[in-house]
N, C-alpha and C. Protein backbone atom coordinates (compact mmCIF):
# COMPACT_ATOMS: atom_id res chain seq x y z
N MET A 1 86.94 59.03 69.73
CA MET A 1 87.84 58.82 68.72
C MET A 1 87.29 59.36 67.45
N SER A 2 87.94 60.38 65.96
CA SER A 2 87.39 60.50 65.14
C SER A 2 87.33 59.20 64.31
N ALA A 3 86.05 59.56 63.18
CA ALA A 3 86.02 58.10 61.81
C ALA A 3 87.58 58.86 61.56
N GLY A 4 87.97 58.01 59.92
CA GLY A 4 88.31 58.61 59.17
C GLY A 4 88.17 59.45 57.76
N PRO A 5 88.67 60.04 57.37
CA PRO A 5 88.22 60.54 56.46
C PRO A 5 87.29 60.25 55.44
N VAL A 6 86.65 60.13 54.48
CA VAL A 6 86.34 59.91 53.21
C VAL A 6 87.09 59.52 51.99
N ILE A 7 86.86 58.46 51.47
CA ILE A 7 87.92 58.61 50.23
C ILE A 7 87.46 58.73 49.03
N VAL A 8 88.00 59.72 48.13
CA VAL A 8 87.52 59.44 46.82
C VAL A 8 88.50 58.96 45.32
N GLY A 9 87.86 58.09 44.52
CA GLY A 9 89.26 57.87 43.98
C GLY A 9 88.67 58.64 42.66
N ILE A 10 89.42 59.19 41.79
CA ILE A 10 88.70 59.41 40.46
C ILE A 10 89.44 59.18 39.33
N ALA A 11 88.94 58.49 37.81
CA ALA A 11 90.40 58.00 37.61
C ALA A 11 89.73 58.56 36.02
N GLY A 12 90.43 58.21 35.05
CA GLY A 12 89.81 58.14 33.63
C GLY A 12 91.17 58.36 32.55
N GLY A 13 90.69 57.93 31.55
CA GLY A 13 92.07 58.58 30.23
C GLY A 13 92.72 59.61 30.61
N SER A 14 93.62 59.41 30.43
CA SER A 14 94.95 60.91 30.34
C SER A 14 93.78 62.03 29.44
N GLY A 15 94.32 63.23 29.77
CA GLY A 15 93.58 64.60 29.39
C GLY A 15 91.42 64.39 29.25
N SER A 16 91.38 63.66 30.03
CA SER A 16 89.97 63.35 30.12
C SER A 16 89.27 64.75 31.57
N GLY A 17 89.88 65.11 31.75
CA GLY A 17 89.36 65.76 32.58
C GLY A 17 88.81 65.78 34.11
N LYS A 18 89.69 65.03 34.69
CA LYS A 18 90.33 64.45 36.22
C LYS A 18 90.52 65.92 36.92
N SER A 19 91.27 66.92 36.04
CA SER A 19 91.41 67.40 37.57
C SER A 19 91.55 68.64 37.52
N THR A 20 90.27 68.98 36.87
CA THR A 20 89.24 70.13 36.17
C THR A 20 87.63 69.46 37.51
N ILE A 21 87.50 68.32 37.09
CA ILE A 21 86.41 67.93 37.77
C ILE A 21 86.68 67.90 39.77
N VAL A 22 88.08 67.35 39.73
CA VAL A 22 88.72 67.26 41.05
C VAL A 22 88.83 68.76 41.85
N ALA A 23 88.97 69.95 41.09
CA ALA A 23 88.90 71.42 41.30
C ALA A 23 87.60 71.89 41.52
N GLU A 24 86.38 70.99 40.77
CA GLU A 24 84.87 71.65 40.73
C GLU A 24 84.87 70.99 42.33
N LEU A 25 85.36 69.44 42.62
CA LEU A 25 84.84 68.83 43.59
C LEU A 25 85.22 69.90 45.18
N VAL A 26 86.93 69.91 44.78
CA VAL A 26 87.50 70.85 45.81
C VAL A 26 86.35 72.18 46.06
N ASP A 27 86.12 72.46 45.10
CA ASP A 27 85.47 74.01 45.57
C ASP A 27 84.22 73.62 46.21
N LEU A 28 83.64 72.51 45.76
CA LEU A 28 82.16 72.47 46.39
C LEU A 28 82.46 72.22 47.87
N LEU A 29 83.38 71.13 47.95
CA LEU A 29 83.56 70.79 49.27
C LEU A 29 84.58 71.37 50.57
N GLY A 30 84.63 72.41 49.96
CA GLY A 30 85.58 73.03 50.95
C GLY A 30 87.08 73.39 50.59
N LEU A 31 88.06 73.43 50.74
CA LEU A 31 89.51 73.97 50.55
C LEU A 31 89.96 73.68 51.47
N GLY A 32 89.46 73.82 52.54
CA GLY A 32 89.46 73.94 54.29
C GLY A 32 89.24 71.64 54.99
N ILE A 33 88.61 71.06 53.96
CA ILE A 33 88.39 69.74 54.61
C ILE A 33 88.94 68.76 53.34
N THR A 34 90.01 69.14 52.44
CA THR A 34 90.04 68.40 51.57
C THR A 34 91.53 68.08 51.44
N THR A 35 92.13 67.00 50.62
CA THR A 35 93.67 67.12 50.60
C THR A 35 93.43 66.00 49.29
N VAL A 36 94.01 66.87 47.96
CA VAL A 36 94.34 66.14 46.81
C VAL A 36 95.84 65.39 46.77
N ILE A 37 95.52 64.39 46.54
CA ILE A 37 96.75 63.27 46.28
C ILE A 37 96.76 62.43 44.73
N ARG A 38 97.97 62.85 43.74
CA ARG A 38 97.97 62.65 42.72
C ARG A 38 98.74 61.67 42.50
N HIS A 39 98.62 60.48 42.09
CA HIS A 39 99.13 58.94 41.25
C HIS A 39 100.44 59.41 40.79
N ASP A 40 99.98 60.16 39.58
CA ASP A 40 100.77 60.68 39.00
C ASP A 40 102.03 60.99 40.02
N TRP A 41 102.13 61.46 40.38
CA TRP A 41 103.63 62.37 41.74
C TRP A 41 103.95 61.42 42.06
N TYR A 42 103.36 59.63 41.55
CA TYR A 42 104.36 58.81 42.39
C TYR A 42 105.17 57.94 40.90
N TYR A 43 105.26 58.64 39.87
CA TYR A 43 106.07 57.87 38.57
C TYR A 43 107.42 57.55 39.29
N ARG A 44 108.07 56.39 39.40
CA ARG A 44 109.11 56.09 39.99
C ARG A 44 110.44 57.00 39.18
N ASP A 45 111.68 57.01 40.42
CA ASP A 45 112.54 57.72 39.48
C ASP A 45 113.53 57.20 38.49
N LEU A 46 113.80 58.00 37.72
CA LEU A 46 114.70 56.88 36.34
C LEU A 46 116.08 57.89 36.45
N SER A 47 116.05 58.19 37.22
CA SER A 47 117.63 58.88 37.14
C SER A 47 119.39 58.29 36.64
N HIS A 48 118.75 56.94 37.07
CA HIS A 48 119.49 55.81 36.87
C HIS A 48 120.20 55.72 35.60
N LEU A 49 118.76 56.21 35.03
CA LEU A 49 118.81 56.17 33.32
C LEU A 49 119.38 57.06 32.84
N GLU A 50 119.67 57.18 30.78
CA GLU A 50 120.14 57.89 30.29
C GLU A 50 118.24 59.28 29.85
N LEU A 51 118.85 59.92 29.59
CA LEU A 51 117.72 60.74 28.90
C LEU A 51 117.00 60.11 28.11
N GLU A 52 117.70 59.79 27.16
CA GLU A 52 116.94 59.05 26.29
C GLU A 52 116.52 57.66 26.60
N ASP A 53 117.10 57.05 27.78
CA ASP A 53 116.40 55.98 26.83
C ASP A 53 115.03 55.85 28.65
N ARG A 54 115.03 57.07 29.00
CA ARG A 54 114.08 57.33 30.14
C ARG A 54 112.96 57.80 28.97
N THR A 55 112.71 58.92 28.23
CA THR A 55 111.81 58.65 27.29
C THR A 55 111.21 57.96 26.88
N GLY A 56 112.20 56.07 26.45
CA GLY A 56 111.48 55.30 26.15
C GLY A 56 110.64 54.30 27.11
N VAL A 57 110.70 55.21 28.43
CA VAL A 57 109.31 54.16 29.15
C VAL A 57 108.10 54.52 29.20
N ASN A 58 107.73 52.98 29.51
CA ASN A 58 106.19 52.60 29.32
C ASN A 58 105.27 53.88 30.31
N PHE A 59 105.37 55.23 30.45
CA PHE A 59 104.18 56.00 31.65
C PHE A 59 102.78 55.64 31.81
N ASP A 60 102.76 54.36 30.87
CA ASP A 60 101.07 54.18 31.37
C ASP A 60 100.46 53.11 31.49
N HIS A 61 101.66 52.35 31.91
CA HIS A 61 101.93 50.84 32.21
C HIS A 61 101.80 50.98 34.01
N PRO A 62 100.98 50.16 34.72
CA PRO A 62 101.47 50.57 36.09
C PRO A 62 102.74 49.62 36.72
N SER A 63 103.22 49.32 35.95
CA SER A 63 104.40 49.05 36.66
C SER A 63 105.77 50.24 36.75
N SER A 64 104.83 51.61 35.83
CA SER A 64 105.86 52.84 36.19
C SER A 64 106.03 53.94 36.89
N LEU A 65 104.83 53.04 37.86
CA LEU A 65 104.31 53.75 39.25
C LEU A 65 104.07 53.44 40.30
N GLU A 66 105.00 53.99 41.60
CA GLU A 66 105.37 53.07 42.79
C GLU A 66 104.36 53.72 43.53
N THR A 67 103.18 52.26 43.30
CA THR A 67 101.92 52.64 43.88
C THR A 67 101.41 52.07 45.50
N GLU A 68 102.13 51.28 45.59
CA GLU A 68 102.61 50.73 46.79
C GLU A 68 103.12 52.34 48.44
N LEU A 69 103.77 52.93 47.54
CA LEU A 69 104.54 54.06 48.66
C LEU A 69 103.59 54.82 48.62
N LEU A 70 101.92 55.05 47.82
CA LEU A 70 101.37 56.03 47.61
C LEU A 70 100.15 55.10 48.65
N VAL A 71 100.18 54.23 48.41
CA VAL A 71 99.20 53.26 49.19
C VAL A 71 100.19 53.46 51.00
N GLU A 72 101.36 53.35 51.38
CA GLU A 72 101.51 53.78 52.01
C GLU A 72 101.44 55.36 53.17
N HIS A 73 101.41 55.99 51.71
CA HIS A 73 101.50 57.98 52.51
C HIS A 73 99.80 58.31 52.73
N ILE A 74 99.16 56.86 51.78
CA ILE A 74 97.45 57.08 52.71
C ILE A 74 97.50 56.76 53.89
N MET A 75 97.38 55.51 54.01
CA MET A 75 97.17 55.19 55.39
C MET A 75 98.10 56.10 56.91
N THR A 76 98.81 56.69 56.50
CA THR A 76 99.59 57.46 57.07
C THR A 76 99.01 58.38 57.34
N LEU A 77 98.19 58.94 56.28
CA LEU A 77 97.59 60.19 56.53
C LEU A 77 95.87 59.88 56.63
N VAL A 78 95.38 59.04 56.62
CA VAL A 78 93.86 58.12 57.52
C VAL A 78 93.99 57.52 58.86
N GLY A 79 95.93 57.84 59.24
CA GLY A 79 96.23 57.88 61.01
C GLY A 79 95.85 59.04 61.41
N GLY A 80 96.15 59.97 60.67
CA GLY A 80 95.87 61.67 60.98
C GLY A 80 97.53 62.44 61.04
N ASN A 81 98.49 61.19 60.35
CA ASN A 81 99.37 62.41 60.16
C ASN A 81 100.01 62.55 58.56
N SER A 82 101.14 63.73 58.48
CA SER A 82 100.82 63.96 57.33
C SER A 82 102.22 62.95 56.87
N VAL A 83 102.27 63.40 55.44
CA VAL A 83 103.66 63.30 54.78
C VAL A 83 104.38 63.99 53.57
N ASP A 84 105.22 63.80 53.26
CA ASP A 84 105.85 64.50 52.48
C ASP A 84 105.48 63.56 50.49
N ALA A 85 104.63 63.81 50.34
CA ALA A 85 104.93 63.15 48.68
C ALA A 85 106.42 63.37 47.86
N PRO A 86 106.31 62.32 46.95
CA PRO A 86 107.26 62.77 46.20
C PRO A 86 106.90 64.11 45.44
N TYR A 87 107.58 65.22 44.19
CA TYR A 87 107.39 65.49 43.37
C TYR A 87 108.43 65.62 42.43
N TYR A 88 107.65 65.00 41.35
CA TYR A 88 108.09 64.33 40.19
C TYR A 88 108.53 65.26 39.11
N ASN A 89 109.56 65.45 38.56
CA ASN A 89 109.80 66.46 36.71
C ASN A 89 109.26 65.76 35.95
N PHE A 90 108.06 66.37 35.54
CA PHE A 90 107.80 65.63 34.20
C PHE A 90 108.60 65.71 32.70
N SER A 91 109.79 66.13 32.91
CA SER A 91 110.62 66.69 31.59
C SER A 91 111.64 66.57 31.71
N THR A 92 112.55 65.83 32.80
CA THR A 92 113.68 65.09 33.28
C THR A 92 113.40 63.81 33.30
N HIS A 93 112.19 62.78 33.59
CA HIS A 93 111.28 62.09 34.42
C HIS A 93 112.20 61.64 35.54
N THR A 94 112.60 62.16 36.70
CA THR A 94 113.10 62.24 37.87
C THR A 94 112.37 62.92 39.23
N ARG A 95 112.47 62.32 39.85
CA ARG A 95 112.23 62.87 40.85
C ARG A 95 113.15 64.01 41.75
N SER A 96 112.11 64.97 42.22
CA SER A 96 112.88 66.11 43.00
C SER A 96 113.19 66.18 44.15
N SER A 97 114.39 66.93 44.33
CA SER A 97 114.73 66.99 46.24
C SER A 97 113.61 67.43 46.89
N SER A 98 112.97 67.77 46.07
CA SER A 98 111.55 69.21 46.82
C SER A 98 110.48 67.78 46.78
N LYS A 99 109.49 68.35 48.17
CA LYS A 99 108.56 67.36 47.78
C LYS A 99 106.93 68.30 48.55
N ILE A 100 106.23 67.03 48.43
CA ILE A 100 104.78 67.76 48.68
C ILE A 100 103.95 67.82 49.67
N GLN A 101 103.93 68.43 50.70
CA GLN A 101 103.24 68.19 51.88
C GLN A 101 101.97 67.84 51.84
N LEU A 102 101.62 66.71 52.46
CA LEU A 102 99.76 66.69 52.81
C LEU A 102 100.02 65.93 54.09
N GLU A 103 98.27 67.49 54.14
CA GLU A 103 98.00 67.00 55.16
C GLU A 103 96.73 66.44 55.64
N PRO A 104 96.65 65.52 56.87
CA PRO A 104 95.08 64.49 56.78
C PRO A 104 94.10 65.61 56.82
N SER A 105 93.13 64.70 56.19
CA SER A 105 91.84 65.46 56.57
C SER A 105 90.89 64.78 56.41
N ARG A 106 89.60 65.44 56.12
CA ARG A 106 88.35 64.88 56.40
C ARG A 106 88.07 63.97 54.53
N VAL A 107 88.44 64.66 54.09
CA VAL A 107 87.81 64.04 52.38
C VAL A 107 89.67 63.50 52.11
N LEU A 108 89.97 62.76 51.52
CA LEU A 108 91.36 62.57 50.45
C LEU A 108 90.42 62.65 49.02
N ILE A 109 91.24 63.41 47.99
CA ILE A 109 90.50 62.57 46.69
C ILE A 109 91.90 62.10 46.08
N LEU A 110 91.68 60.89 45.58
CA LEU A 110 92.81 60.32 44.56
C LEU A 110 92.99 60.35 42.67
N ASP A 111 93.26 61.23 42.07
CA ASP A 111 93.63 61.49 41.19
C ASP A 111 94.34 60.84 40.46
N GLY A 112 94.24 59.75 38.91
CA GLY A 112 95.10 59.45 38.25
C GLY A 112 94.60 58.65 37.19
N ILE A 113 95.17 58.42 36.28
CA ILE A 113 94.48 57.67 34.90
C ILE A 113 94.23 56.32 35.70
N LEU A 114 94.96 55.69 36.24
CA LEU A 114 94.95 54.26 37.40
C LEU A 114 94.78 53.78 38.45
N THR A 115 93.89 54.95 38.58
CA THR A 115 94.05 55.49 40.59
C THR A 115 92.71 53.45 40.59
N LEU A 116 91.79 53.27 39.62
CA LEU A 116 90.84 51.99 40.09
C LEU A 116 91.06 51.00 39.52
N ALA A 117 92.34 51.09 39.10
CA ALA A 117 92.84 50.19 38.35
C ALA A 117 94.20 48.87 39.49
N HIS A 118 93.90 49.62 40.19
CA HIS A 118 93.90 48.87 41.56
C HIS A 118 93.83 48.60 42.45
N GLU A 119 93.95 47.28 42.83
CA GLU A 119 92.68 46.55 43.93
C GLU A 119 93.18 47.38 44.69
N GLN A 120 94.80 47.61 45.68
CA GLN A 120 94.87 48.31 46.51
C GLN A 120 94.14 50.00 46.92
N LEU A 121 94.42 50.13 45.69
CA LEU A 121 93.85 51.44 46.17
C LEU A 121 92.23 51.55 45.89
N ARG A 122 91.86 50.22 45.58
CA ARG A 122 90.07 50.47 45.17
C ARG A 122 89.05 50.38 46.71
N GLU A 123 90.09 49.27 47.37
CA GLU A 123 90.35 48.30 48.90
C GLU A 123 89.56 50.09 49.73
N LEU A 124 90.37 51.26 49.14
CA LEU A 124 90.78 51.88 50.34
C LEU A 124 89.54 52.73 50.36
N MET A 125 89.12 53.32 48.63
CA MET A 125 87.39 53.89 48.83
C MET A 125 86.82 53.79 49.13
N ASP A 126 86.21 54.72 49.46
CA ASP A 126 84.62 54.97 49.82
C ASP A 126 83.76 55.13 48.22
N ILE A 127 84.20 56.04 47.38
CA ILE A 127 83.43 56.63 46.78
C ILE A 127 84.63 56.74 44.92
N ARG A 128 84.23 55.99 44.02
CA ARG A 128 84.72 55.47 43.20
C ARG A 128 84.34 55.86 41.58
N VAL A 129 84.68 56.93 41.25
CA VAL A 129 84.49 57.77 39.79
C VAL A 129 85.92 57.58 38.78
N PHE A 130 84.76 57.49 37.12
CA PHE A 130 85.26 57.50 36.39
C PHE A 130 85.10 58.85 35.71
N VAL A 131 85.92 59.26 34.95
CA VAL A 131 85.46 60.44 33.57
C VAL A 131 86.03 60.06 32.14
N ASP A 132 84.91 60.12 32.02
CA ASP A 132 85.05 59.58 30.45
C ASP A 132 84.40 60.66 29.30
N THR A 133 85.99 60.67 28.42
CA THR A 133 85.70 61.64 27.80
C THR A 133 86.59 60.99 25.93
N ASP A 134 85.49 61.57 25.06
CA ASP A 134 86.28 61.01 23.71
C ASP A 134 87.48 61.03 23.46
N VAL A 135 87.98 60.45 22.52
CA VAL A 135 89.70 60.20 22.52
C VAL A 135 90.25 61.24 21.51
N GLU A 136 89.32 62.21 21.13
CA GLU A 136 89.93 63.53 19.94
C GLU A 136 90.15 64.16 21.16
N LYS A 137 89.72 64.69 22.33
CA LYS A 137 89.86 65.21 22.69
C LYS A 137 91.01 65.80 24.00
N ARG A 138 90.53 64.25 24.08
CA ARG A 138 91.69 63.59 25.08
C ARG A 138 93.35 64.19 24.54
N LEU A 139 93.35 63.56 23.20
CA LEU A 139 94.24 63.93 22.58
C LEU A 139 94.60 65.74 22.74
N ASN A 140 94.19 65.94 21.80
CA ASN A 140 94.18 67.35 22.23
C ASN A 140 94.38 68.00 23.14
N ARG A 141 93.65 67.63 24.68
CA ARG A 141 94.23 68.44 25.88
C ARG A 141 95.64 68.19 26.24
N ARG A 142 94.99 66.50 25.63
CA ARG A 142 97.31 65.99 26.33
C ARG A 142 98.15 66.96 25.52
N LEU A 143 97.83 67.44 24.23
CA LEU A 143 99.18 68.14 23.04
C LEU A 143 98.50 69.30 23.81
N GLU A 144 98.17 69.74 24.28
CA GLU A 144 98.17 71.64 25.16
C GLU A 144 99.21 71.31 26.51
N ARG A 145 98.49 70.14 26.80
CA ARG A 145 99.21 70.30 28.88
C ARG A 145 100.68 70.13 28.04
N ASP A 146 101.01 68.91 27.56
CA ASP A 146 102.53 68.19 27.32
C ASP A 146 103.48 69.18 26.72
N SER A 147 102.79 69.90 25.58
CA SER A 147 103.55 70.92 24.79
C SER A 147 103.88 72.15 25.94
N GLY A 148 102.71 72.33 25.82
CA GLY A 148 102.85 73.70 27.31
C GLY A 148 103.72 74.47 28.25
N GLU A 149 103.02 72.97 29.52
CA GLU A 149 103.26 73.12 30.50
C GLU A 149 104.43 72.14 30.56
N ARG A 150 105.02 71.23 30.19
CA ARG A 150 106.18 70.24 30.45
C ARG A 150 106.82 70.23 29.25
N GLY A 151 106.48 71.36 28.65
CA GLY A 151 107.60 71.99 27.12
C GLY A 151 108.03 70.30 26.44
N ARG A 152 107.57 69.30 25.55
CA ARG A 152 107.45 68.55 25.12
C ARG A 152 106.80 68.88 23.57
N ASN A 153 107.82 68.02 22.68
CA ASN A 153 107.61 68.66 21.33
C ASN A 153 106.38 67.81 21.24
N PRO A 154 105.50 68.53 20.37
CA PRO A 154 104.22 68.00 20.41
C PRO A 154 104.50 66.83 19.32
N ALA A 155 105.41 66.81 18.49
CA ALA A 155 105.32 65.30 17.19
C ALA A 155 105.44 64.06 18.31
N SER A 156 106.28 64.46 19.18
CA SER A 156 106.92 63.57 19.86
C SER A 156 105.65 63.12 21.16
N VAL A 157 104.41 63.88 21.37
CA VAL A 157 103.52 63.96 22.32
C VAL A 157 102.55 62.63 21.60
N ILE A 158 102.02 63.20 20.51
CA ILE A 158 101.33 62.44 19.22
C ILE A 158 101.86 60.79 19.14
N GLN A 159 103.11 60.72 18.82
CA GLN A 159 103.61 59.41 19.08
C GLN A 159 103.60 58.84 19.92
N GLN A 160 104.12 59.46 21.14
CA GLN A 160 103.96 58.98 22.56
C GLN A 160 101.76 58.36 22.60
N PHE A 161 101.10 59.10 22.56
CA PHE A 161 100.26 58.66 22.70
C PHE A 161 98.93 57.61 21.80
N GLU A 162 99.44 56.96 20.04
CA GLU A 162 99.69 56.38 19.78
C GLU A 162 99.31 54.89 19.96
N SER A 163 100.75 54.95 20.62
CA SER A 163 102.06 54.04 20.78
C SER A 163 101.69 53.20 22.22
N THR A 164 101.94 54.29 23.02
CA THR A 164 101.14 53.77 23.96
C THR A 164 100.50 53.97 25.11
N VAL A 165 100.00 55.77 25.22
CA VAL A 165 99.03 55.65 25.93
C VAL A 165 97.96 55.17 25.14
N LEU A 166 97.13 55.14 23.98
CA LEU A 166 95.69 54.25 23.49
C LEU A 166 96.03 53.16 23.76
N PRO A 167 96.61 52.79 24.00
CA PRO A 167 96.98 50.70 24.10
C PRO A 167 96.77 50.64 25.34
N MET A 168 97.87 51.19 26.46
CA MET A 168 97.66 50.94 27.78
C MET A 168 96.45 51.36 28.76
N HIS A 169 95.20 52.76 27.48
CA HIS A 169 94.09 52.91 27.93
C HIS A 169 92.90 51.78 27.89
N HIS A 170 92.89 51.69 26.76
CA HIS A 170 92.54 50.02 26.59
C HIS A 170 92.63 48.58 27.00
N LYS A 171 93.52 48.42 27.39
CA LYS A 171 94.59 47.08 28.30
C LYS A 171 93.99 47.42 30.25
N PHE A 172 94.31 49.03 30.25
CA PHE A 172 93.58 49.21 31.90
C PHE A 172 93.26 50.47 32.05
N VAL A 173 92.92 51.32 31.56
CA VAL A 173 92.38 52.31 32.14
C VAL A 173 90.41 51.83 31.79
N GLU A 174 90.12 51.49 30.60
CA GLU A 174 89.65 51.20 30.21
C GLU A 174 88.25 50.17 30.91
N PRO A 175 88.95 49.49 30.85
CA PRO A 175 88.10 48.12 32.29
C PRO A 175 88.27 49.03 33.24
N SER A 176 88.87 49.63 34.01
CA SER A 176 88.23 49.89 35.30
C SER A 176 87.75 50.31 35.59
N ARG A 177 86.69 51.23 34.79
CA ARG A 177 85.55 51.78 34.49
C ARG A 177 84.08 50.79 35.52
N ALA A 178 84.56 49.64 35.04
CA ALA A 178 83.33 48.95 35.95
C ALA A 178 83.21 48.81 37.26
N TYR A 179 84.51 49.52 37.39
CA TYR A 179 84.21 49.19 39.21
C TYR A 179 83.86 50.45 39.58
N ALA A 180 83.58 51.93 38.85
CA ALA A 180 83.44 52.87 39.58
C ALA A 180 81.95 52.53 39.78
N GLU A 181 81.05 53.81 40.73
CA GLU A 181 79.71 54.03 41.12
C GLU A 181 79.52 54.93 40.17
N ILE A 182 80.32 56.11 40.02
CA ILE A 182 79.52 57.11 39.20
C ILE A 182 80.66 57.74 37.89
N THR A 183 79.86 57.72 36.53
CA THR A 183 80.64 58.33 35.87
C THR A 183 80.12 59.85 35.62
N ILE A 184 81.54 60.70 35.12
CA ILE A 184 81.57 61.63 34.94
C ILE A 184 81.63 61.82 33.09
N SER A 185 80.89 62.96 32.46
CA SER A 185 81.88 63.38 31.23
C SER A 185 82.53 64.16 31.25
N GLY A 186 83.88 63.95 30.94
CA GLY A 186 84.54 64.87 30.98
C GLY A 186 84.53 66.29 29.47
N GLY A 187 84.01 65.89 28.55
CA GLY A 187 83.49 66.11 27.65
C GLY A 187 82.97 67.57 26.74
N HIS A 188 82.32 67.46 28.33
CA HIS A 188 81.72 69.25 28.81
C HIS A 188 81.45 68.94 29.96
N GLN A 189 80.68 70.17 30.34
CA GLN A 189 80.70 70.68 32.08
C GLN A 189 79.55 69.73 31.80
N ASP A 190 80.03 68.99 33.36
CA ASP A 190 79.19 68.38 34.09
C ASP A 190 78.42 68.53 35.46
N SER A 191 78.38 69.71 35.52
CA SER A 191 78.21 70.59 36.97
C SER A 191 77.33 69.82 37.83
N ALA A 192 76.07 68.98 37.40
CA ALA A 192 75.17 68.52 37.87
C ALA A 192 75.39 67.52 38.70
N THR A 193 76.39 65.95 37.49
CA THR A 193 76.77 65.54 38.50
C THR A 193 78.10 65.48 39.27
N VAL A 194 78.96 66.53 39.29
CA VAL A 194 79.75 67.10 40.18
C VAL A 194 79.00 67.18 41.43
N LYS A 195 77.76 67.31 41.34
CA LYS A 195 77.57 68.29 42.46
C LYS A 195 76.43 67.33 43.46
N GLN A 196 76.47 66.45 42.72
CA GLN A 196 75.74 64.91 42.90
C GLN A 196 76.71 64.40 43.64
N LEU A 197 77.91 64.15 43.18
CA LEU A 197 79.18 63.51 43.88
C LEU A 197 79.52 63.84 45.25
N ALA A 198 79.63 65.74 45.50
CA ALA A 198 79.98 66.04 46.45
C ALA A 198 78.91 65.95 47.47
N PHE A 199 77.33 65.45 46.92
CA PHE A 199 76.28 65.52 48.52
C PHE A 199 76.42 63.95 48.68
N ARG A 200 76.88 63.25 48.27
CA ARG A 200 77.19 62.45 48.70
C ARG A 200 78.12 61.97 49.42
N VAL A 201 79.61 62.06 49.29
CA VAL A 201 80.73 63.13 50.14
C VAL A 201 79.89 63.09 51.15
N GLN A 202 79.37 64.82 51.68
CA GLN A 202 79.08 64.88 52.60
C GLN A 202 77.98 63.91 53.20
N GLU A 203 76.99 63.65 52.57
CA GLU A 203 75.84 62.58 53.55
C GLU A 203 77.38 61.08 54.37
N LEU A 204 78.11 61.11 52.98
CA LEU A 204 79.20 60.01 54.23
C LEU A 204 80.10 60.95 55.19
N LEU A 205 80.48 61.73 55.58
CA LEU A 205 80.72 62.64 56.33
C LEU A 205 79.75 62.93 57.25
N ASP A 206 78.74 63.32 57.06
CA ASP A 206 77.67 63.41 58.36
C ASP A 206 77.40 62.12 58.92
N GLU A 207 77.59 60.66 58.24
CA GLU A 207 77.24 59.56 58.58
C GLU A 207 78.43 59.34 59.42
N ARG A 208 79.65 60.10 59.38
CA ARG A 208 80.71 59.27 60.02
C ARG A 208 80.83 60.49 61.38
N SER A 209 80.10 61.33 61.41
CA SER A 209 80.02 62.98 62.25
C SER A 209 79.25 62.01 63.57
N LEU A 210 77.89 61.60 62.46
CA LEU A 210 76.82 61.01 63.81
C LEU A 210 76.87 60.35 64.64
N SER A 211 77.87 58.65 63.52
CA SER A 211 78.44 57.92 64.48
C SER A 211 79.59 58.18 65.76
N THR A 212 80.67 58.77 65.85
CA THR A 212 81.09 59.41 66.50
C THR A 212 80.42 60.34 67.97
N SER A 213 79.96 60.67 67.35
CA SER A 213 79.45 61.53 68.59
C SER A 213 78.38 61.41 69.75
C-alpha cells in the first residue's frame, strides 16, 4: 500500500504572489509529481442571480466558497482517484460547464487566500505556508490581473479592494498567518525560502517512501 500525498497549503492576501510561488515550487519538485488545486475554482455558482446582484457578493468572505466540495475532492485525490474540479468564470461569476480534470499525485498544493482560514483544510495539510506582501503591491497586482485578465473596470477593482478585500483580509486572511509554519515574502523574489520549502516537501516524500518500502 502506498503512502498518501504530501499536502501543502499556501495562503496569503489577494495579489500577494501565491501563484508565482506555487509555480516556482512545482518547477523545483517536478511537474510530474505535483497537482495544484486553486481554492478560487470553488466559488459558488451565482447564475441564479442577476449580473448586477452577482457583482455585489462579498467574494472575500469564506461563505462565498464551496470549501466542502474542495475537501471532498482532496479526499478523493488522496484516495488515488481523479476529480473534475469546477471551472469558474470570473467575468460572469458563474461556473462553466467545462471541468478541470485533476489527477492524484505525490504532492498536492492548495492555493488560495483562505486556505489556512478553514480548519478542515488545515487538518489535511502537512505543510502550511503564508505569503506576506504589503498592501500597495497587492493592490497593484490585483489591478493588473483583474483589469487585464478578467476584463474588470479599474475603478471597480479599487472600489472592491477598499470595501471588501481589505476588511476581509484583516478579519480572515491575516489572522490565518498564525497557522503557518513557513512565511515567504511575496514582495520580492524569495527563492531561498521557496527552495527550503521544496526541500521540506522532498524530506516528507522520502520519509513516506521509506515507511512503505
